[in-house]
Amino acid sequence: MRAQLIHEVPDLPVVLPEFSAQTIVEVTLKGGQKRRYQKMVNIDQR
C-alpha cells in the first residue's frame, strides 16, 4: 500500500480575506487499485 498527499492552496495573501483549500489523499492498494479521499474547506477571515 502507498499513500500520497496532494495539497491545493491558493496564493496567499493575494486571495485574502476569503479562500478555499483542498487536500487529497490518494491511496494505492495491493493490486494497483487506487482510492482518492478529498476534503475542501472554505475560510473566511472577515
Protein backbone atom coordinates (compact mmCIF):
# COMPACT_ATOMS: atom_id res chain seq x y z
CA MET A 1 0.00 0.00 0.00
CA ARG A 2 1.21 3.51 -0.82
CA ALA A 3 -0.29 6.91 0.07
CA GLN A 4 0.26 10.36 -1.43
CA LEU A 5 -0.94 13.76 -0.16
CA ILE A 6 -1.87 16.45 -2.67
CA HIS A 7 -2.47 19.96 -1.30
CA GLU A 8 -4.16 22.73 -3.27
CA VAL A 9 -3.84 26.14 -1.61
CA PRO A 10 -4.20 29.49 -3.42
CA ASP A 11 -1.54 32.20 -3.39
CA LEU A 12 -1.60 33.96 -0.04
CA PRO A 13 -2.06 36.85 0.81
CA VAL A 14 -3.45 37.76 -2.64
CA VAL A 15 -6.74 35.89 -2.11
CA LEU A 16 -7.39 37.08 1.45
CA PRO A 17 -9.73 37.51 3.32
CA GLU A 18 -11.64 34.56 1.79
CA PHE A 19 -10.24 31.41 0.15
CA SER A 20 -10.62 27.64 -0.23
CA ALA A 21 -8.05 24.94 0.48
CA GLN A 22 -8.23 21.30 -0.57
CA THR A 23 -6.28 18.18 0.35
CA ILE A 24 -6.49 14.87 -1.48
CA VAL A 25 -5.19 11.57 -0.11
CA GLU A 26 -4.54 9.10 -2.90
CA VAL A 27 -4.02 5.53 -1.69
CA THR A 28 -2.72 2.78 -3.96
CA LEU A 29 -3.85 -0.62 -2.70
CA LYS A 30 -2.46 -4.06 -3.39
CA GLY A 31 -3.20 -5.00 -6.97
CA GLY A 32 -2.82 -1.39 -8.16
CA GLN A 33 -6.33 -0.23 -7.30
CA LYS A 34 -6.44 3.46 -6.31
CA ARG A 35 -8.75 5.29 -3.90
CA ARG A 36 -8.98 9.06 -3.52
CA TYR A 37 -10.33 10.87 -0.49
CA GLN A 38 -10.66 14.63 -0.58
CA LYS A 39 -11.61 17.38 1.81
CA MET A 40 -12.19 21.05 0.97
CA VAL A 41 -12.60 23.88 3.45
CA ASN A 42 -13.68 27.45 2.86
CA ILE A 43 -12.03 30.04 5.09
CA ASP A 44 -13.49 33.50 5.57
CA GLN A 45 -11.46 35.82 7.81
CA ARG A 46 -13.85 38.76 7.67
